[in-house]
Amino acid sequence: MGGLQLSLVIHAVVYVMVIGGLWSLNQDATPDIQWVKWVAWGWGIGLATHTVVWAMLKSRTRR
């Protein structure tokens, strides 16, 4: 597994764990205000960008 691929997997696993924990906290503390969706969207954009960069670099190395 390449360094960039490993960093993408780590990024995705940390995202799922943190967003899961924040979702649980949101449900316990303020269930009527769903603020966790903004964190998930913001971080999700970063994760999506990381994935696109990884895919572009991977396709470049195949040629």
PDB file of N, CA and C in Angstrom:
ATOM      1  N   MET A   1       0.856  -1.183   0.000  1.00  0.00           N
ATOM      2  CA  MET A   1       0.000   0.000   0.000  1.00  0.00           C
ATOM      3  C   MET A   1       0.892   1.233   0.000  1.00  0.00           C
ATOM      4  N   GLY A   2       0.659   2.117  -0.965  1.00  0.00           N
ATOM      5  CA  GLY A   2       1.473   3.326  -1.079  1.00  0.00           C
ATOM      6  C   GLY A   2       1.187   4.324   0.030  1.00  0.00           C
ATOM      7  N   GLY A   3       2.096   5.268   0.189  1.00  0.00           N
ATOM      8  CA  GLY A   3       1.966   6.263   1.246  1.00  0.00           C
ATOM      9  C   GLY A   3       0.714   7.109   1.118  1.00  0.00           C
ATOM     10  N   LEU A   4       0.390   7.523  -0.114  1.00  0.00           N
ATOM     11  CA  LEU A   4      -0.796   8.352  -0.311  1.00  0.00           C
ATOM     12  C   LEU A   4      -2.062   7.538  -0.084  1.00  0.00           C
ATOM     13  N   GLN A   5      -2.047   6.270  -0.514  1.00  0.00           N
ATOM     14  CA  GLN A   5      -3.209   5.411  -0.304  1.00  0.00           C
ATOM     15  C   GLN A   5      -3.399   5.149   1.187  1.00  0.00           C
ATOM     16  N   LEU A   6      -2.331   4.914   1.910  1.00  0.00           N
ATOM     17  CA  LEU A   6      -2.420   4.691   3.346  1.00  0.00           C
ATOM     18  C   LEU A   6      -2.957   5.931   4.047  1.00  0.00           C
ATOM     19  N   SER A   7      -2.500   7.103   3.636  1.00  0.00           N
ATOM     20  CA  SER A   7      -2.984   8.326   4.268  1.00  0.00           C
ATOM     21  C   SER A   7      -4.469   8.529   3.986  1.00  0.00           C
ATOM     22  N   LEU A   8      -4.941   8.125   2.807  1.00  0.00           N
ATOM     23  CA  LEU A   8      -6.364   8.226   2.487  1.00  0.00           C
ATOM     24  C   LEU A   8      -7.191   7.285   3.365  1.00  0.00           C
ATOM     25  N   VAL A   9      -6.713   6.077   3.549  1.00  0.00           N
ATOM     26  CA  VAL A   9      -7.418   5.119   4.406  1.00  0.00           C
ATOM     27  C   VAL A   9      -7.466   5.626   5.847  1.00  0.00           C
ATOM     28  N   ILE A  10      -6.347   6.139   6.339  1.00  0.00           N
ATOM     29  CA  ILE A  10      -6.312   6.683   7.699  1.00  0.00           C
ATOM     30  C   ILE A  10      -7.280   7.859   7.806  1.00  0.00           C
ATOM     31  N   HIS A  11      -7.264   8.754   6.823  1.00  0.00           N
ATOM     32  CA  HIS A  11      -8.154   9.904   6.808  1.00  0.00           C
ATOM     33  C   HIS A  11      -9.617   9.455   6.882  1.00  0.00           C
ATOM     34  N   ALA A  12      -9.985   8.446   6.085  1.00  0.00           N
ATOM     35  CA  ALA A  12     -11.358   7.949   6.065  1.00  0.00           C
ATOM     36  C   ALA A  12     -11.759   7.302   7.388  1.00  0.00           C
ATOM     37  N   VAL A  13     -10.860   6.520   7.962  1.00  0.00           N
ATOM     38  CA  VAL A  13     -11.165   5.854   9.242  1.00  0.00           C
ATOM     39  C   VAL A  13     -11.325   6.877  10.364  1.00  0.00           C
ATOM     40  N   VAL A  14     -10.439   7.846  10.408  1.00  0.00           N
ATOM     41  CA  VAL A  14     -10.541   8.890  11.438  1.00  0.00           C
ATOM     42  C   VAL A  14     -11.818   9.695  11.243  1.00  0.00           C
ATOM     43  N   TYR A  15     -12.169   9.992   9.998  1.00  0.00           N
ATOM     44  CA  TYR A  15     -13.413  10.717   9.701  1.00  0.00           C
ATOM     45  C   TYR A  15     -14.619   9.965  10.273  1.00  0.00           C
ATOM     46  N   VAL A  16     -14.716   8.694   9.963  1.00  0.00           N
ATOM     47  CA  VAL A  16     -15.858   7.894  10.429  1.00  0.00           C
ATOM     48  C   VAL A  16     -15.905   7.839  11.952  1.00  0.00           C
ATOM     49  N   MET A  17     -14.762   7.656  12.588  1.00  0.00           N
ATOM     50  CA  MET A  17     -14.730   7.563  14.050  1.00  0.00           C
ATOM     51  C   MET A  17     -15.105   8.893  14.705  1.00  0.00           C
ATOM     52  N   VAL A  18     -14.540   9.982  14.218  1.00  0.00           N
ATOM     53  CA  VAL A  18     -14.810  11.288  14.826  1.00  0.00           C
ATOM     54  C   VAL A  18     -16.251  11.721  14.573  1.00  0.00           C
ATOM     55  N   ILE A  19     -16.719  11.582  13.344  1.00  0.00           N
ATOM     56  CA  ILE A  19     -18.097  11.984  13.036  1.00  0.00           C
ATOM     57  C   ILE A  19     -19.079  11.108  13.817  1.00  0.00           C
ATOM     58  N   GLY A  20     -18.772   9.831  13.958  1.00  0.00           N
ATOM     59  CA  GLY A  20     -19.627   8.957  14.779  1.00  0.00           C
ATOM     60  C   GLY A  20     -19.686   9.416  16.223  1.00  0.00           C
ATOM     61  N   GLY A  21     -18.542   9.769  16.781  1.00  0.00           N
ATOM     62  CA  GLY A  21     -18.510  10.267  18.156  1.00  0.00           C
ATOM     63  C   GLY A  21     -19.228  11.597  18.301  1.00  0.00           C
ATOM     64  N   LEU A  22     -19.023  12.477  17.335  1.00  0.00           N
ATOM     65  CA  LEU A  22     -19.709  13.771  17.382  1.00  0.00           C
ATOM     66  C   LEU A  22     -21.217  13.614  17.204  1.00  0.00           C
ATOM     67  N   TRP A  23     -21.626  12.690  16.354  1.00  0.00           N
ATOM     68  CA  TRP A  23     -23.045  12.435  16.175  1.00  0.00           C
ATOM     69  C   TRP A  23     -23.665  11.957  17.495  1.00  0.00           C
ATOM     70  N   SER A  24     -22.971  11.046  18.169  1.00  0.00           N
ATOM     71  CA  SER A  24     -23.448  10.557  19.467  1.00  0.00           C
ATOM     72  C   SER A  24     -23.539  11.693  20.481  1.00  0.00           C
ATOM     73  N   LEU A  25     -22.515  12.526  20.527  1.00  0.00           N
ATOM     74  CA  LEU A  25     -22.524  13.685  21.420  1.00  0.00           C
ATOM     75  C   LEU A  25     -23.665  14.629  21.077  1.00  0.00           C
ATOM     76  N   ASN A  26     -23.881  14.860  19.786  1.00  0.00           N
ATOM     77  CA  ASN A  26     -24.961  15.733  19.342  1.00  0.00           C
ATOM     78  C   ASN A  26     -26.313  15.184  19.787  1.00  0.00           C
ATOM     79  N   GLN A  27     -26.493  13.883  19.668  1.00  0.00           N
ATOM     80  CA  GLN A  27     -27.771  13.275  20.066  1.00  0.00           C
ATOM     81  C   GLN A  27     -28.004  13.360  21.569  1.00  0.00           C
ATOM     82  N   ASP A  28     -26.936  13.260  22.353  1.00  0.00           N
ATOM     83  CA  ASP A  28     -27.059  13.336  23.811  1.00  0.00           C
ATOM     84  C   ASP A  28     -27.235  14.768  24.303  1.00  0.00           C
ATOM     85  N   ALA A  29     -26.472  15.698  23.740  1.00  0.00           N
ATOM     86  CA  ALA A  29     -26.436  17.065  24.263  1.00  0.00           C
ATOM     87  C   ALA A  29     -27.540  17.951  23.687  1.00  0.00           C
ATOM     88  N   THR A  30     -27.669  17.970  22.371  1.00  0.00           N
ATOM     89  CA  THR A  30     -28.638  18.862  21.724  1.00  0.00           C
ATOM     90  C   THR A  30     -29.326  18.149  20.563  1.00  0.00           C
ATOM     91  N   PRO A  31     -30.211  17.193  20.865  1.00  0.00           N
ATOM     92  CA  PRO A  31     -30.831  16.424  19.784  1.00  0.00           C
ATOM     93  C   PRO A  31     -31.735  17.260  18.877  1.00  0.00           C
ATOM     94  N   ASP A  32     -32.201  18.407  19.357  1.00  0.00           N
ATOM     95  CA  ASP A  32     -33.092  19.237  18.543  1.00  0.00           C
ATOM     96  C   ASP A  32     -32.322  20.117  17.545  1.00  0.00           C
ATOM     97  N   ILE A  33     -31.010  20.259  17.735  1.00  0.00           N
ATOM     98  CA  ILE A  33     -30.168  21.048  16.832  1.00  0.00           C
ATOM     99  C   ILE A  33     -29.108  20.109  16.239  1.00  0.00           C
ATOM    100  N   GLN A  34     -29.221  19.827  14.965  1.00  0.00           N
ATOM    101  CA  GLN A  34     -28.306  18.892  14.305  1.00  0.00           C
ATOM    102  C   GLN A  34     -27.083  19.621  13.741  1.00  0.00           C
ATOM    103  N   TRP A  35     -26.186  20.044  14.609  1.00  0.00           N
ATOM    104  CA  TRP A  35     -24.982  20.766  14.198  1.00  0.00           C
ATOM    105  C   TRP A  35     -23.926  19.845  13.596  1.00  0.00           C
ATOM    106  N   VAL A  36     -23.979  18.576  13.891  1.00  0.00           N
ATOM    107  CA  VAL A  36     -22.939  17.648  13.420  1.00  0.00           C
ATOM    108  C   VAL A  36     -22.913  17.538  11.899  1.00  0.00           C
ATOM    109  N   LYS A  37     -24.044  17.813  11.252  1.00  0.00           N
ATOM    110  CA  LYS A  37     -24.079  17.725   9.786  1.00  0.00           C
ATOM    111  C   LYS A  37     -23.121  18.728   9.146  1.00  0.00           C
ATOM    112  N   TRP A  38     -22.918  19.891   9.774  1.00  0.00           N
ATOM    113  CA  TRP A  38     -22.018  20.897   9.220  1.00  0.00           C
ATOM    114  C   TRP A  38     -20.564  20.447   9.329  1.00  0.00           C
ATOM    115  N   VAL A  39     -20.239  19.787  10.418  1.00  0.00           N
ATOM    116  CA  VAL A  39     -18.885  19.241  10.585  1.00  0.00           C
ATOM    117  C   VAL A  39     -18.657  18.127   9.565  1.00  0.00           C
ATOM    118  N   ALA A  40     -19.654  17.248   9.416  1.00  0.00           N
ATOM    119  CA  ALA A  40     -19.540  16.136   8.464  1.00  0.00           C
ATOM    120  C   ALA A  40     -19.388  16.654   7.031  1.00  0.00           C
ATOM    121  N   TRP A  41     -20.156  17.667   6.661  1.00  0.00           N
ATOM    122  CA  TRP A  41     -20.053  18.244   5.317  1.00  0.00           C
ATOM    123  C   TRP A  41     -18.695  18.888   5.090  1.00  0.00           C
ATOM    124  N   GLY A  42     -18.263  19.704   6.028  1.00  0.00           N
ATOM    125  CA  GLY A  42     -16.991  20.396   5.879  1.00  0.00           C
ATOM    126  C   GLY A  42     -15.820  19.450   5.766  1.00  0.00           C
ATOM    127  N   TRP A  43     -15.766  18.505   6.678  1.00  0.00           N
ATOM    128  CA  TRP A  43     -14.680  17.538   6.646  1.00  0.00           C
ATOM    129  C   TRP A  43     -14.833  16.601   5.448  1.00  0.00           C
ATOM    130  N   GLY A  44     -16.082  16.310   5.090  1.00  0.00           N
ATOM    131  CA  GLY A  44     -16.337  15.447   3.934  1.00  0.00           C
ATOM    132  C   GLY A  44     -15.798  16.042   2.648  1.00  0.00           C
ATOM    133  N   ILE A  45     -15.864  17.367   2.522  1.00  0.00           N
ATOM    134  CA  ILE A  45     -15.291  18.031   1.347  1.00  0.00           C
ATOM    135  C   ILE A  45     -13.780  17.787   1.303  1.00  0.00           C
ATOM    136  N   GLY A  46     -13.133  17.899   2.446  1.00  0.00           N
ATOM    137  CA  GLY A  46     -11.697  17.623   2.505  1.00  0.00           C
ATOM    138  C   GLY A  46     -11.371  16.179   2.170  1.00  0.00           C
ATOM    139  N   LEU A  47     -12.168  15.269   2.664  1.00  0.00           N
ATOM    140  CA  LEU A  47     -11.964  13.847   2.376  1.00  0.00           C
ATOM    141  C   LEU A  47     -12.208  13.557   0.892  1.00  0.00           C
ATOM    142  N   ALA A  48     -13.233  14.161   0.333  1.00  0.00           N
ATOM    143  CA  ALA A  48     -13.516  13.973  -1.094  1.00  0.00           C
ATOM    144  C   ALA A  48     -12.366  14.519  -1.947  1.00  0.00           C
ATOM    145  N   THR A  49     -11.837  15.662  -1.573  1.00  0.00           N
ATOM    146  CA  THR A  49     -10.704  16.249  -2.292  1.00  0.00           C
ATOM    147  C   THR A  49      -9.486  15.329  -2.206  1.00  0.00           C
ATOM    148  N   HIS A  50      -9.237  14.792  -1.026  1.00  0.00           N
ATOM    149  CA  HIS A  50      -8.129  13.856  -0.829  1.00  0.00           C
ATOM    150  C   HIS A  50      -8.310  12.652  -1.758  1.00  0.00           C
ATOM    151  N   THR A  51      -9.531  12.146  -1.861  1.00  0.00           N
ATOM    152  CA  THR A  51      -9.813  10.992  -2.707  1.00  0.00           C
ATOM    153  C   THR A  51      -9.585  11.310  -4.181  1.00  0.00           C
ATOM    154  N   VAL A  52     -10.017  12.484  -4.618  1.00  0.00           N
ATOM    155  CA  VAL A  52      -9.836  12.885  -6.019  1.00  0.00           C
ATOM    156  C   VAL A  52      -8.347  13.011  -6.347  1.00  0.00           C
ATOM    157  N   VAL A  53      -7.595  13.642  -5.463  1.00  0.00           N
ATOM    158  CA  VAL A  53      -6.156  13.788  -5.688  1.00  0.00           C
ATOM    159  C   VAL A  53      -5.490  12.418  -5.755  1.00  0.00           C
ATOM    160  N   TRP A  54      -5.863  11.526  -4.847  1.00  0.00           N
ATOM    161  CA  TRP A  54      -5.304  10.175  -4.844  1.00  0.00           C
ATOM    162  C   TRP A  54      -5.614   9.470  -6.168  1.00  0.00           C
ATOM    163  N   ALA A  55      -6.872   9.574  -6.633  1.00  0.00           N
ATOM    164  CA  ALA A  55      -7.271   8.909  -7.875  1.00  0.00           C
ATOM    165  C   ALA A  55      -6.523   9.490  -9.075  1.00  0.00           C
ATOM    166  N   MET A  56      -6.359  10.808  -9.101  1.00  0.00           N
ATOM    167  CA  MET A  56      -5.639  11.437 -10.209  1.00  0.00           C
ATOM    168  C   MET A  56      -4.178  10.997 -10.236  1.00  0.00           C
ATOM    169  N   LEU A  57      -3.542  10.983  -9.079  1.00  0.00           N
ATOM    170  CA  LEU A  57      -2.141  10.573  -9.024  1.00  0.00           C
ATOM    171  C   LEU A  57      -1.979   9.089  -9.349  1.00  0.00           C
ATOM    172  N   LYS A  58      -2.943   8.292  -8.918  1.00  0.00           N
ATOM    173  CA  LYS A  58      -2.878   6.861  -9.208  1.00  0.00           C
ATOM    174  C   LYS A  58      -3.011   6.612 -10.716  1.00  0.00           C
ATOM    175  N   SER A  59      -3.916   7.336 -11.366  1.00  0.00           N
ATOM    176  CA  SER A  59      -4.081   7.137 -12.800  1.00  0.00           C
ATOM    177  C   SER A  59      -2.869   7.653 -13.592  1.00  0.00           C
ATOM    178  N   ARG A  60      -2.202   8.655 -13.060  1.00  0.00           N
ATOM    179  CA  ARG A  60      -1.001   9.191 -13.705  1.00  0.00           C
ATOM    180  C   ARG A  60       0.156   8.194 -13.674  1.00  0.00           C
ATOM    181  N   THR A  61       0.275   7.469 -12.567  1.00  0.00           N
ATOM    182  CA  THR A  61       1.383   6.529 -12.424  1.00  0.00           C
ATOM    183  C   THR A  61       1.159   5.265 -13.247  1.00  0.00           C
ATOM    184  N   ARG A  62      -0.075   4.977 -13.638  1.00  0.00           N
ATOM    185  CA  ARG A  62      -0.373   3.784 -14.439  1.00  0.00           C
ATOM    186  C   ARG A  62       0.110   3.935 -15.876  1.00  0.00           C
ATOM    187  N   ARG A  63       0.189   5.155 -16.375  1.00  0.00           N
ATOM    188  CA  ARG A  63       0.538   5.385 -17.787  1.00  0.00           C
ATOM    189  C   ARG A  63       1.958   5.088 -18.086  1.00  0.00           C
TER     190      ARG A  63
END
